[in-house]
Protein backbone atom coordinates (compact mmCIF):
# COMPACT_ATOMS: atom_id res chain seq x y z
CA MET A 1 49.81 37.45 -11.95
CA THR A 2 47.63 34.97 -9.73
CA ILE A 3 43.96 35.31 -11.42
CA PRO A 4 41.59 35.54 -8.65
CA ILE A 5 39.26 32.10 -7.78
CA THR A 6 35.53 32.04 -6.67
CA THR A 7 33.30 29.61 -6.34
CA ALA A 8 29.86 29.22 -8.44
CA GLN A 9 26.49 29.17 -6.50
CA LYS A 10 23.42 26.95 -7.27
CA VAL A 11 20.55 29.21 -8.51
CA SER A 12 16.89 27.47 -7.95
CA LEU A 13 15.51 26.83 -11.43
CA ARG A 14 12.24 28.17 -10.11
CA ASP A 15 13.78 31.45 -9.09
CA VAL A 16 15.03 31.49 -12.85
CA TRP A 17 11.58 30.26 -14.70
CA PRO A 18 8.73 30.08 -12.12
CA HIS A 19 6.79 28.21 -14.73
CA GLU A 20 7.61 25.27 -16.60
CA GLN A 21 5.76 26.35 -19.60
CA GLN A 22 5.10 29.92 -19.51
CA ASP A 23 8.87 30.49 -18.31
CA PHE A 24 11.21 27.61 -19.04
CA SER A 25 9.75 26.21 -22.55
CA ARG A 26 8.87 29.58 -24.23
CA TRP A 27 12.61 30.58 -22.84
CA LEU A 28 14.35 27.35 -24.66
CA VAL A 29 12.11 27.82 -27.62
CA GLU A 30 13.76 31.61 -28.03
CA ASN A 31 16.81 30.05 -27.19
CA ILE A 32 17.12 26.75 -29.38
CA ALA A 33 21.06 27.26 -30.03
CA PHE A 34 21.53 26.41 -25.83
CA LEU A 35 20.42 23.06 -26.61
CA ASN A 36 21.49 22.88 -29.83
CA ASP A 37 24.88 22.79 -28.93
CA HIS A 38 24.54 19.67 -27.17
CA LEU A 39 23.39 17.68 -30.07
CA PRO A 40 24.20 15.81 -33.27
CA PHE A 41 21.36 17.35 -34.95
CA GLU A 42 20.31 21.31 -35.46
CA VAL A 43 16.53 21.83 -34.19
CA VAL A 44 15.39 24.49 -36.60
CA ALA A 45 14.45 27.79 -34.57
CA GLU A 46 11.55 28.26 -37.11
CA SER A 47 9.56 25.37 -36.42
CA LEU A 48 9.61 24.91 -32.71
CA ILE A 49 6.20 25.24 -31.03
CA ALA A 50 5.51 25.57 -27.09
CA GLU A 51 2.31 24.02 -25.80
CA ALA A 52 1.88 22.23 -28.83
CA PRO A 53 -1.56 20.30 -29.00
CA ALA A 54 -1.65 16.44 -28.63
CA GLY A 55 -5.36 15.01 -28.20
CA PRO A 56 -6.48 16.37 -25.10
CA PHE A 57 -2.69 16.87 -24.15
CA ALA A 58 -0.20 19.87 -25.04
CA VAL A 59 3.63 18.78 -25.95
CA ASP A 60 6.25 21.52 -24.69
CA VAL A 61 8.27 22.10 -27.46
CA VAL A 62 7.68 20.23 -30.67
CA GLY A 63 9.58 21.17 -33.89
CA ASP A 64 11.78 19.84 -37.08
CA ALA A 65 15.05 18.76 -36.95
CA ILE A 66 17.60 18.07 -40.02
CA ASP A 67 20.69 15.82 -40.11
CA SER A 68 23.45 17.61 -41.11
CA GLU A 69 25.26 15.08 -42.52
CA SER A 70 21.76 13.48 -44.52
CA GLY A 71 20.03 16.49 -44.86
CA GLU A 72 16.78 14.38 -43.79
CA THR A 73 14.14 16.40 -41.65
CA PHE A 74 12.65 14.71 -38.62
CA LYS A 75 10.14 15.87 -35.79
CA VAL A 76 11.17 16.11 -32.29
CA VAL A 77 9.17 16.63 -29.00
CA ILE A 78 10.97 18.00 -26.10
CA GLU A 79 9.02 17.42 -22.50
CA ASN A 80 10.87 19.87 -20.06
CA GLN A 81 10.50 18.76 -15.64
CA LEU A 82 12.26 22.30 -13.00
CA GLU A 83 11.78 18.69 -10.84
CA GLN A 84 13.40 15.29 -10.37
CA THR A 85 11.49 13.00 -13.85
CA ASP A 86 8.74 11.19 -12.73
CA HIS A 87 6.56 8.65 -14.56
CA ARG A 88 4.33 10.99 -15.68
CA HIS A 89 6.25 12.87 -17.66
CA LEU A 90 7.99 9.54 -19.29
CA GLY A 91 4.32 8.67 -20.23
CA GLN A 92 3.81 12.05 -21.70
CA ILE A 93 6.75 11.52 -24.10
CA LEU A 94 5.64 8.50 -25.28
CA THR A 95 2.15 9.67 -26.02
CA TYR A 96 3.79 13.21 -27.58
CA LEU A 97 6.33 10.76 -29.87
CA ALA A 98 3.04 8.84 -30.76
CA ALA A 99 1.00 11.63 -31.77
CA TYR A 100 3.64 13.98 -33.96
CA ASP A 101 5.34 10.19 -35.02
CA ALA A 102 8.36 11.91 -34.16
CA LYS A 103 11.89 10.45 -34.27
CA ALA A 104 13.37 11.96 -31.29
CA ALA A 105 12.44 12.56 -28.04
CA ILE A 106 15.01 15.19 -25.44
CA TRP A 107 13.90 15.31 -21.74
CA ILE A 108 15.15 17.72 -19.52
CA SER A 109 15.13 17.96 -15.92
CA ALA A 110 16.31 19.15 -12.72
CA GLY A 111 17.23 15.86 -11.77
CA ALA A 112 17.26 12.20 -12.97
CA ARG A 113 16.26 9.41 -11.18
CA PRO A 114 18.27 6.15 -12.13
CA GLU A 115 15.21 3.88 -13.19
CA HIS A 116 14.21 7.01 -15.77
CA ALA A 117 17.37 6.82 -16.95
CA ARG A 118 17.02 3.12 -17.48
CA ALA A 119 14.13 3.91 -19.77
CA VAL A 120 15.57 6.45 -21.53
CA GLN A 121 18.28 4.59 -22.72
CA TRP A 122 16.05 1.28 -23.08
CA LEU A 123 14.28 3.74 -26.05
CA ASN A 124 17.41 3.96 -27.37
CA ASP A 125 18.71 0.80 -27.98
CA GLU A 126 15.57 -0.81 -28.63
CA SER A 127 13.24 1.11 -30.54
CA THR A 128 13.39 3.51 -33.56
CA ILE A 129 13.47 6.34 -31.43
CA ASP A 130 16.30 8.30 -30.90
CA ALA A 131 16.01 10.01 -27.20
CA TRP A 132 18.33 11.85 -24.63
CA LEU A 133 17.82 12.84 -20.84
CA PHE A 134 19.57 15.92 -19.88
CA ASP A 135 19.90 17.35 -16.63
CA ILE A 136 19.69 21.28 -16.44
CA GLU A 137 20.88 23.67 -13.40
CA VAL A 138 21.67 27.27 -13.23
CA ILE A 139 25.08 28.83 -11.69
CA ARG A 140 25.75 32.45 -10.14
CA ILE A 141 29.67 33.54 -9.62
CA ALA A 142 29.24 36.18 -7.61
CA ASP A 143 27.14 39.25 -9.19
CA SER A 144 27.35 37.52 -12.36
CA PRO A 145 24.11 36.81 -14.49
CA ALA A 146 22.46 33.52 -14.14
CA ALA A 147 23.98 30.85 -16.22
CA PRO A 148 22.42 27.83 -17.15
CA ILE A 149 24.47 24.44 -17.48
CA LEU A 150 22.96 21.73 -19.59
CA ARG A 151 24.25 17.66 -18.91
CA ARG A 152 23.98 14.91 -20.94
CA ILE A 153 22.79 12.23 -18.88
CA ILE A 154 21.68 9.34 -21.63
CA GLY A 155 21.69 9.45 -25.60
CA PRO A 156 21.92 7.57 -28.74
CA SER A 157 25.18 5.64 -28.94
CA ALA A 158 27.22 5.12 -31.75
CA LEU A 159 25.87 1.52 -31.88
CA SER A 160 22.25 2.12 -31.36
CA VAL A 161 22.23 4.88 -33.75
CA ARG A 162 23.67 2.81 -36.88
CA ALA A 163 20.98 0.17 -35.87
CA LYS A 164 18.15 2.58 -36.39
CA LEU A 165 19.47 4.10 -39.25
CA GLU A 166 18.97 0.54 -40.21
CA ARG A 167 15.35 -0.12 -39.31
CA ARG A 168 14.43 3.34 -40.44
CA GLU A 169 15.84 3.25 -43.52
CA SER A 170 13.90 -0.51 -45.37
CA GLU A 171 15.67 -2.72 -47.45
CA ALA A 172 13.19 -1.93 -50.32
CA VAL A 173 13.88 2.12 -50.37
CA LYS A 174 17.56 1.33 -50.82
CA ARG A 175 16.94 -0.64 -53.52
CA LEU A 176 14.76 1.70 -55.20
CA ARG A 177 17.41 4.34 -55.08
CA ARG A 178 20.50 2.05 -56.20
CA ASN A 179 18.13 1.32 -58.99
CA PHE A 180 17.47 4.79 -59.46
CA TRP A 181 21.21 5.78 -59.52
CA GLN A 182 22.19 2.76 -61.83
CA VAL A 183 20.19 4.71 -64.08
CA VAL A 184 20.81 8.73 -62.92
CA LEU A 185 24.34 8.31 -62.14
CA PRO A 186 26.03 7.31 -65.37
CA LEU A 187 24.26 10.19 -67.19
CA VAL A 188 25.45 12.90 -64.60
CA GLN A 189 28.83 11.19 -64.82
CA GLN A 190 29.11 11.03 -68.81
CA ALA A 191 27.81 15.38 -68.67
CA THR A 192 30.80 15.90 -66.11
CA GLY A 193 33.34 13.41 -66.51
CA ASP A 194 36.06 15.61 -68.45
CA LEU A 195 35.46 18.06 -65.35
CA GLY A 196 36.09 15.53 -62.91
CA VAL A 197 33.25 15.31 -61.22
CA PHE A 198 31.89 11.54 -59.50
CA ALA A 199 34.16 9.63 -62.05
CA ASN A 200 34.93 7.40 -59.41
CA ARG A 201 31.25 7.11 -57.85
CA SER A 202 28.70 4.44 -57.82
CA PRO A 203 25.56 3.83 -57.12
CA SER A 204 24.20 2.63 -53.91
CA GLY A 205 21.18 2.98 -51.77
CA ASN A 206 22.07 6.51 -50.54
CA PRO A 207 19.95 9.88 -51.16
CA TYR A 208 22.75 11.73 -52.58
CA VAL A 209 25.74 11.15 -54.44
CA SER A 210 28.69 13.28 -53.16
CA GLN A 211 32.80 14.97 -54.17
CA LYS A 212 34.71 17.70 -52.71
CA ALA A 213 35.00 20.45 -54.89
CA GLY A 214 38.24 22.15 -55.41
CA GLY A 215 39.82 24.99 -53.00
CA PRO A 216 40.38 25.36 -49.70
CA ALA A 217 36.77 25.24 -48.52
CA ASN A 218 35.33 22.18 -46.67
CA ALA A 219 32.51 22.12 -49.78
CA HIS A 220 31.00 19.46 -51.83
CA TRP A 221 29.16 18.64 -55.48
CA GLN A 222 26.43 16.88 -54.77
CA VAL A 223 23.20 15.18 -56.28
CA TRP A 224 20.30 14.26 -54.55
CA ALA A 225 16.96 12.33 -55.03
CA THR A 226 13.82 12.39 -53.19
CA SER A 227 11.21 10.07 -53.69
CA SER A 228 9.60 12.28 -56.35
CA GLY A 229 12.43 14.97 -57.60
CA THR A 230 15.64 15.65 -57.56
CA TRP A 231 18.23 18.50 -56.68
CA LEU A 232 21.73 19.15 -57.21
CA CYS A 233 24.07 21.68 -54.60
CA LEU A 234 27.13 22.88 -53.63
CA ARG A 235 27.30 22.57 -49.49
CA PHE A 236 29.78 24.32 -47.45
CA HIS A 237 30.34 22.51 -43.66
CA GLY A 238 33.09 24.36 -41.39
CA ASP A 239 34.35 23.34 -38.66
CA ASP A 240 31.70 26.20 -37.59
CA LYS A 241 29.42 28.74 -38.88
CA ALA A 242 32.34 31.26 -38.78
CA GLU A 243 34.37 29.14 -41.01
CA THR A 244 31.18 27.94 -43.57
CA MET A 245 30.23 31.74 -43.58
CA HIS A 246 33.72 33.22 -44.68
CA TYR A 247 33.47 31.06 -47.58
CA PHE A 248 29.91 31.01 -48.85
CA GLU A 249 30.08 35.03 -48.14
CA GLN A 250 32.66 35.37 -50.73
CA LEU A 251 30.06 33.79 -53.22
CA VAL A 252 26.94 35.45 -52.20
CA GLU A 253 28.41 38.61 -53.42
CA ARG A 254 29.10 38.05 -56.80
CA ARG A 255 25.67 36.25 -56.72
CA ASP A 256 23.86 38.22 -59.95
CA GLU A 257 26.63 37.17 -61.68
CA PHE A 258 26.73 33.35 -60.87
CA ASP A 259 23.28 33.60 -61.34
CA HIS A 260 23.15 34.82 -64.59
CA ALA A 261 25.99 32.30 -65.69
CA PHE A 262 23.79 29.57 -65.02
CA GLY A 263 20.82 30.84 -66.40
CA GLU A 264 18.24 30.35 -64.15
CA PRO A 265 17.98 31.46 -60.30
CA LEU A 266 19.61 29.50 -57.50
CA THR A 267 18.92 29.10 -53.83
CA TRP A 268 21.25 30.66 -51.73
CA ASN A 269 20.74 29.44 -48.57
CA PRO A 270 22.95 30.12 -45.37
CA LEU A 271 20.92 27.75 -43.04
CA PRO A 272 21.44 29.81 -40.15
CA ASP A 273 20.35 27.08 -37.39
CA SER A 274 23.40 24.71 -38.74
CA LYS A 275 26.52 24.36 -39.83
CA GLY A 276 26.04 24.13 -42.93
CA ALA A 277 25.17 26.29 -46.46
CA VAL A 278 23.98 25.78 -50.33
CA ILE A 279 23.75 27.15 -53.27
CA ARG A 280 21.01 24.58 -54.97
CA TRP A 281 19.13 24.28 -57.94
CA ASP A 282 15.78 21.92 -57.73
CA ASN A 283 15.41 20.34 -61.04
CA PRO A 284 11.93 20.99 -62.54
CA VAL A 285 11.29 17.53 -64.32
CA ASP A 286 9.70 15.40 -62.04
CA GLY A 287 11.07 11.77 -61.65
CA GLY A 288 12.56 10.53 -57.90
CA PHE A 289 13.12 7.68 -57.12
CA GLN A 290 9.93 6.35 -56.42
CA SER A 291 8.59 7.28 -59.21
CA ASP A 292 7.58 5.74 -62.37
CA PRO A 293 11.20 4.48 -63.36
CA ASP A 294 10.08 5.85 -67.27
CA ALA A 295 10.44 8.81 -65.51
CA TRP A 296 14.21 8.25 -64.33
CA GLU A 297 16.11 9.26 -67.47
CA ARG A 298 14.49 12.46 -68.12
CA ALA A 299 14.74 14.02 -65.08
CA GLY A 300 18.76 12.57 -64.92
CA GLU A 301 19.12 13.97 -68.49
CA VAL A 302 18.41 17.65 -66.91
CA LEU A 303 19.98 16.76 -63.54
CA ALA A 304 23.18 15.70 -65.68
CA ASP A 305 22.92 18.94 -67.86
CA ARG A 306 22.50 21.73 -65.40
CA MET A 307 25.35 19.83 -62.67
CA ARG A 308 27.68 20.16 -66.07
CA ARG A 309 26.73 23.80 -66.14
CA PHE A 310 26.76 24.28 -62.57
CA VAL A 311 30.15 23.26 -61.85
CA GLU A 312 31.73 25.25 -65.08
CA VAL A 313 30.02 28.41 -63.38
CA PHE A 314 31.22 27.71 -59.98
CA ALA A 315 34.86 25.76 -60.12
CA GLN A 316 37.09 27.91 -60.60
CA PRO A 317 35.61 30.81 -58.27
CA VAL A 318 35.65 27.80 -55.44
CA ALA A 319 39.06 27.02 -55.75
CA GLN A 320 40.24 30.19 -56.02
CA LEU A 321 38.62 31.37 -52.38
CA ARG A 322 40.22 33.07 -50.27
CA PRO A 323 41.08 30.97 -47.00
CA TYR A 324 40.05 30.96 -43.57
CA ARG A 325 42.22 32.06 -41.02
CA TYR A 326 41.33 30.86 -37.82
CA GLY A 327 41.04 33.79 -35.15
CA LYS A 328 41.04 36.42 -37.56
CA GLU A 329 37.73 36.15 -39.29
């Protein structure tokens, strides 16, 4: 059978969104998943503010974003332009970045001028900012509803991302974290060594220590250090959200049982704006990597005790999770 083919017709952006702020920016806030599909991080829908004040000016959209790998939260500003890029909007982006101490900028326009594309590339190569430039258009096929299409023009390269990560995280902070883990990680390893968790891990300047859990899921045991505290979790991260929730929901069904066995309430977070999900316990004992080193051991002892209990409660159920069958769930 021959499949009929027709031609897509472009639709004027102004026919779809007559006003940049009132229509397009608000549509983007309500449909942020459309943009997230094109980014290496998740912009958190609940954090978004349209027309947020920046002195006497107003940024189109500002919100929080979460790095799915590191867990880092940072500010992102989004500037929308339903016309070709211009110098005024470029200046506005720089103003809003400074006003909100944002780490990422996203510029969406009807068409990128070469000089502005080069400016965005310069931000990626020579500053600590991650910057994206997208073209947007809307098409319709026959009598179908209008459908927006986003095309990435400029974004951070792998090299610029690595360079910025190094600049953002000073050597002083890395040294503090390494010193912290030199005290705390052995306590966790001693408590969980016979369970096979973190046995081959070494102190580093990273904010967390991670090891894959047994079983069919892409799940990891993790202990985290913030500047003032610690926490542990079991983190799921499937190839897509459906896979993650397939495993996470099997455990959620027994949530009361697991909380009772652990002896304390746990935080069960499906992370709706990312591909991940976590089961988490926060250490009530203060003592993060920027705390007084005298507090590290006490916090570490409590963290180690709960990590052992956590693994004892969840290791077997995680190993026995029903495997995910792609296209069947």
